[in-house]
């Protein structure tokens, strides 16, 4: 049995998660609840849960503030948040699980299934370190690979290349990381950080663009020497992005 604690200032939200767990995840037992940062910390210390369902915004602080009260995290975390664009980006960049309120049963089941994976606490703490470092501005990203999570600085990513359901991430130091997420996901995450999707298979960091060669769509040459096609339908938007860069 997996022991769970729910920390959320709304009793309605806590009850919703409890009811969904009872219906769909009977191997997860809610052993305690907290309605703010203070009671959440106390409940976690008293009950030593395996997983904490954690709200982001609470009257006396945030879920991030709660986590900072622990010198080391020895439990798994699933955030539960109302739509907050910045928070959701932060979760994605740190590869931490989150649920949007109102919680959908399918999403809860999916998140709970991951609890059975053998995540090391050191890796959880590293994910949280990335989350905390990105609280004010995004600097790092967690890249899930078949061997574990690799953490890199966003400014070190030169380009991303689609490989079916995987993405090849090329770094400034010539290292290539094969990541178990699609290019579409990285397009959504990285475009606000000076990246541009020049082709269905290529997302580039404009900071490392060496030159553009004219053509029907044209080609770009990156600082690592890679020549990449620009799709015809993205050409005009790409050239506009270069002018504004």
Protein backbone atom coordinates (compact mmCIF):
# COMPACT_ATOMS: atom_id res chain seq x y z
CA UNK A 1 0.00 0.00 0.00
CA UNK A 2 1.27 3.48 -0.94
CA UNK A 3 0.76 6.08 1.81
CA UNK A 4 -0.38 9.51 0.61
CA UNK A 5 -0.82 12.95 2.15
CA UNK A 6 -2.87 15.69 0.46
CA UNK A 7 -1.92 19.33 1.11
CA UNK A 8 -4.45 21.82 -0.26
CA UNK A 9 -6.22 24.77 1.32
CA UNK A 10 -9.57 23.82 -0.24
CA UNK A 11 -11.41 20.94 1.43
CA UNK A 12 -13.39 20.42 -1.79
CA UNK A 13 -10.16 19.84 -3.73
CA UNK A 14 -8.80 17.45 -1.09
CA UNK A 15 -12.04 15.45 -1.09
CA UNK A 16 -12.05 15.30 -4.91
CA UNK A 17 -8.57 13.73 -4.96
CA UNK A 18 -9.47 11.34 -2.12
CA UNK A 19 -12.63 10.17 -3.90
CA UNK A 20 -10.81 9.67 -7.19
CA UNK A 21 -8.05 7.69 -5.47
CA UNK A 22 -10.65 5.47 -3.77
CA UNK A 23 -12.39 4.80 -7.08
CA UNK A 24 -9.41 4.40 -9.39
CA UNK A 25 -6.25 3.80 -7.33
CA UNK A 26 -7.19 1.52 -4.41
CA UNK A 27 -3.54 0.75 -3.67
CA UNK A 28 -3.01 4.38 -2.58
CA UNK A 29 -4.17 5.14 0.97
CA UNK A 30 -4.64 8.74 2.11
CA UNK A 31 -3.24 8.77 5.65
CA UNK A 32 -3.38 12.52 6.31
CA UNK A 33 -4.19 16.01 5.06
CA UNK A 34 -2.93 19.57 5.44
CA UNK A 35 -4.68 22.83 4.58
CA UNK A 36 -1.66 25.15 4.42
CA UNK A 37 2.14 25.14 4.39
CA UNK A 38 2.40 24.89 8.19
CA UNK A 39 -0.02 21.98 8.67
CA UNK A 40 1.32 20.32 5.52
CA UNK A 41 4.88 20.26 6.87
CA UNK A 42 3.66 18.95 10.23
CA UNK A 43 1.54 16.19 8.66
CA UNK A 44 4.38 15.06 6.39
CA UNK A 45 6.84 14.96 9.29
CA UNK A 46 4.37 13.04 11.49
CA UNK A 47 3.27 10.46 8.91
CA UNK A 48 6.25 9.98 6.53
CA UNK A 49 4.13 9.45 3.40
CA UNK A 50 5.35 7.83 0.18
CA UNK A 51 3.72 10.55 -1.93
CA UNK A 52 2.38 14.06 -1.36
CA UNK A 53 -0.35 15.61 -3.52
CA UNK A 54 0.63 19.26 -3.23
CA UNK A 55 -1.27 22.44 -4.05
CA UNK A 56 0.71 25.39 -5.44
CA UNK A 57 -1.08 28.43 -3.98
CA UNK A 58 -2.05 28.41 -0.29
CA UNK A 59 -2.88 31.17 2.22
CA UNK A 60 0.47 31.09 4.04
CA UNK A 61 2.71 30.42 1.03
CA UNK A 62 3.19 28.06 -1.89
CA UNK A 63 3.87 24.39 -2.37
CA UNK A 64 7.41 25.45 -3.27
CA UNK A 65 7.73 27.13 0.15
CA UNK A 66 6.60 23.91 1.80
CA UNK A 67 9.26 21.89 0.01
CA UNK A 68 11.96 24.34 1.07
CA UNK A 69 11.18 23.48 4.71
CA UNK A 70 12.75 20.05 4.13
CA UNK A 71 16.53 19.69 3.92
CA UNK A 72 15.99 16.50 1.90
CA UNK A 73 12.85 15.21 0.19
CA UNK A 74 12.13 11.56 0.98
CA UNK A 75 8.74 11.33 -0.68
CA UNK A 76 7.39 11.58 -4.22
CA UNK A 77 5.41 14.64 -5.25
CA UNK A 78 2.44 15.20 -7.53
CA UNK A 79 1.48 18.85 -7.80
CA UNK A 80 -2.20 19.76 -8.13
CA UNK A 81 -2.73 23.24 -9.52
CA UNK A 82 -5.35 25.49 -11.01
CA UNK A 83 -4.19 26.70 -14.42
CA UNK A 84 -1.05 28.77 -13.88
CA UNK A 85 1.03 29.10 -17.02
CA UNK A 86 4.28 29.84 -15.21
CA UNK A 87 3.85 26.97 -12.72
CA UNK A 88 2.99 24.48 -15.46
CA UNK A 89 6.08 25.52 -17.45
CA UNK A 90 8.15 25.06 -14.29
CA UNK A 91 6.79 21.53 -13.79
CA UNK A 92 7.52 20.62 -17.41
CA UNK A 93 11.06 21.99 -17.27
CA UNK A 94 11.79 19.99 -14.11
CA UNK A 95 10.05 16.78 -15.31
CA UNK A 96 7.84 16.74 -12.19
CA UNK A 97 4.31 15.35 -12.34
CA UNK A 98 1.37 17.71 -12.03
CA UNK A 99 -2.42 17.59 -12.24
CA UNK A 100 -4.66 20.44 -13.37
CA UNK A 101 -7.75 21.18 -11.31
CA UNK A 102 -10.41 19.97 -11.63
CA UNK A 103 -8.47 16.72 -11.68
CA UNK A 104 -9.33 14.32 -14.51
CA UNK A 105 -9.46 10.62 -13.49
CA UNK A 106 -7.34 9.55 -16.47
CA UNK A 107 -4.57 12.03 -15.58
CA UNK A 108 -4.63 10.94 -11.93
CA UNK A 109 -4.37 7.27 -12.90
CA UNK A 110 -1.46 8.08 -15.23
CA UNK A 111 0.39 10.05 -12.55
CA UNK A 112 -0.20 7.40 -9.91
CA UNK A 113 1.06 4.63 -12.20
CA UNK A 114 4.45 6.38 -12.24
CA UNK A 115 4.64 6.13 -8.46
CA UNK A 116 5.50 2.45 -8.86
CA UNK A 117 8.59 3.31 -10.89
CA UNK A 118 11.86 3.07 -9.00
CA UNK A 119 12.68 6.77 -8.79
CA UNK A 120 15.69 7.48 -6.60
CA UNK A 121 15.24 10.21 -4.01
CA UNK A 122 18.46 11.81 -5.24
CA UNK A 123 16.82 12.22 -8.65
CA UNK A 124 13.64 13.65 -7.12
CA UNK A 125 15.72 16.16 -5.18
CA UNK A 126 17.58 17.09 -8.37
CA UNK A 127 14.27 17.69 -10.17
CA UNK A 128 13.20 19.91 -7.29
CA UNK A 129 16.50 21.75 -7.47
CA UNK A 130 15.73 22.56 -11.12
CA UNK A 131 12.19 23.60 -10.16
CA UNK A 132 13.47 25.95 -7.47
CA UNK A 133 16.17 27.43 -9.70
CA UNK A 134 13.48 28.24 -12.28
CA UNK A 135 11.12 29.98 -9.84
CA UNK A 136 11.92 33.46 -11.11
CA UNK A 137 13.39 32.78 -14.56
CA UNK A 138 13.93 29.59 -16.51
CA UNK A 139 17.58 28.52 -16.62
CA UNK A 140 17.64 24.71 -16.51
CA UNK A 141 15.66 21.88 -18.04
CA UNK A 142 15.37 18.20 -17.09
CA UNK A 143 15.77 15.84 -20.04
CA UNK A 144 14.27 12.34 -19.52
CA UNK A 145 16.35 9.63 -21.20
CA UNK A 146 16.15 5.85 -21.13
CA UNK A 147 18.91 5.83 -18.50
CA UNK A 148 17.50 8.55 -16.24
CA UNK A 149 17.22 12.33 -16.11
CA UNK A 150 19.93 14.65 -17.45
CA UNK A 151 19.85 18.28 -16.31
CA UNK A 152 21.22 20.98 -18.62
CA UNK A 153 21.18 24.75 -18.92
CA UNK A 154 18.78 25.98 -21.61
CA UNK A 155 21.46 28.26 -23.07
CA UNK A 156 23.64 25.19 -23.70
CA UNK A 157 21.09 23.66 -26.12
CA UNK A 158 22.11 24.32 -29.71
CA UNK A 159 19.32 22.50 -31.54
CA UNK A 160 16.71 19.74 -31.30
CA UNK A 161 15.92 17.14 -33.96
CA UNK A 162 12.86 14.91 -34.20
CA UNK A 163 13.30 11.13 -34.19
CA UNK A 164 9.73 9.76 -34.22
CA UNK A 165 8.62 9.70 -30.55
CA UNK A 166 12.08 10.74 -29.41
CA UNK A 167 14.09 13.95 -29.72
CA UNK A 168 17.82 14.31 -30.24
CA UNK A 169 19.12 17.27 -28.23
CA UNK A 170 22.44 18.69 -29.43
CA UNK A 171 24.48 20.70 -26.92
CA UNK A 172 27.22 23.29 -27.38
CA UNK A 173 29.88 20.81 -26.23
CA UNK A 174 28.94 18.49 -29.15
CA UNK A 175 27.15 16.06 -26.84
CA UNK A 176 23.93 14.48 -28.16
CA UNK A 177 21.18 13.43 -25.75
CA UNK A 178 18.35 11.15 -26.88
CA UNK A 179 15.22 12.21 -25.01
CA UNK A 180 12.00 10.22 -24.65
CA UNK A 181 9.68 13.09 -25.60
CA UNK A 182 8.51 14.44 -28.94
CA UNK A 183 9.89 17.54 -30.65
CA UNK A 184 6.42 19.11 -30.36
CA UNK A 185 6.79 19.18 -26.57
CA UNK A 186 10.17 20.93 -26.77
CA UNK A 187 8.83 23.34 -29.37
CA UNK A 188 6.14 24.42 -26.88
CA UNK A 189 8.62 24.71 -24.02
CA UNK A 190 11.59 26.34 -25.74
CA UNK A 191 10.09 28.70 -28.33
CA UNK A 192 9.70 31.48 -25.72
CA UNK A 193 13.46 31.21 -25.09
CA UNK A 194 14.75 32.25 -28.53
CA UNK A 195 14.19 28.88 -30.22
CA UNK A 196 12.44 28.55 -33.58
CA UNK A 197 10.85 25.53 -35.30
CA UNK A 198 12.26 25.86 -38.83
CA UNK A 199 10.97 22.49 -40.02
CA UNK A 200 8.80 19.66 -38.72
CA UNK A 201 12.05 17.91 -37.78
CA UNK A 202 14.16 20.80 -36.51
CA UNK A 203 14.01 23.28 -33.64
CA UNK A 204 17.00 25.62 -33.40
CA UNK A 205 18.41 28.05 -30.86
CA UNK A 206 18.69 31.30 -32.84
CA UNK A 207 21.68 32.31 -30.70
CA UNK A 208 23.74 29.62 -32.47
CA UNK A 209 22.67 30.34 -36.05
CA UNK A 210 25.77 30.89 -38.19
CA UNK A 211 24.17 31.74 -41.54
CA UNK A 212 21.04 31.46 -43.65
CA UNK A 213 21.20 30.32 -47.30
CA UNK A 214 18.41 31.45 -49.62
CA UNK A 215 16.28 28.97 -51.49
CA UNK A 216 12.66 27.84 -51.80
CA UNK A 217 12.62 27.55 -48.05
CA UNK A 218 16.32 27.93 -47.65
CA UNK A 219 18.86 26.35 -45.32
CA UNK A 220 20.46 27.36 -42.06
CA UNK A 221 23.96 26.54 -40.98
CA UNK A 222 24.44 26.16 -37.25
CA UNK A 223 27.59 26.80 -35.25
CA UNK A 224 28.20 23.05 -34.99
CA UNK A 225 28.34 22.87 -38.81
CA UNK A 226 24.93 21.25 -39.26
CA UNK A 227 23.00 22.32 -42.39
CA UNK A 228 19.26 22.17 -41.83
CA UNK A 229 16.37 22.77 -44.21
CA UNK A 230 13.87 25.56 -43.56
CA UNK A 231 10.41 24.48 -44.65
CA UNK A 232 8.77 26.72 -47.25
CA UNK A 233 5.71 27.43 -45.10
CA UNK A 234 7.88 28.54 -42.16
CA UNK A 235 10.26 30.71 -44.19
CA UNK A 236 8.48 34.06 -43.87
CA UNK A 237 7.90 33.70 -40.12
CA UNK A 238 11.51 32.58 -39.68
CA UNK A 239 12.92 35.58 -41.57
CA UNK A 240 10.74 37.87 -39.44
CA UNK A 241 12.09 36.20 -36.32
CA UNK A 242 15.66 36.83 -37.52
CA UNK A 243 14.93 40.53 -38.01
CA UNK A 244 13.50 40.82 -34.51
CA UNK A 245 16.21 38.74 -32.88
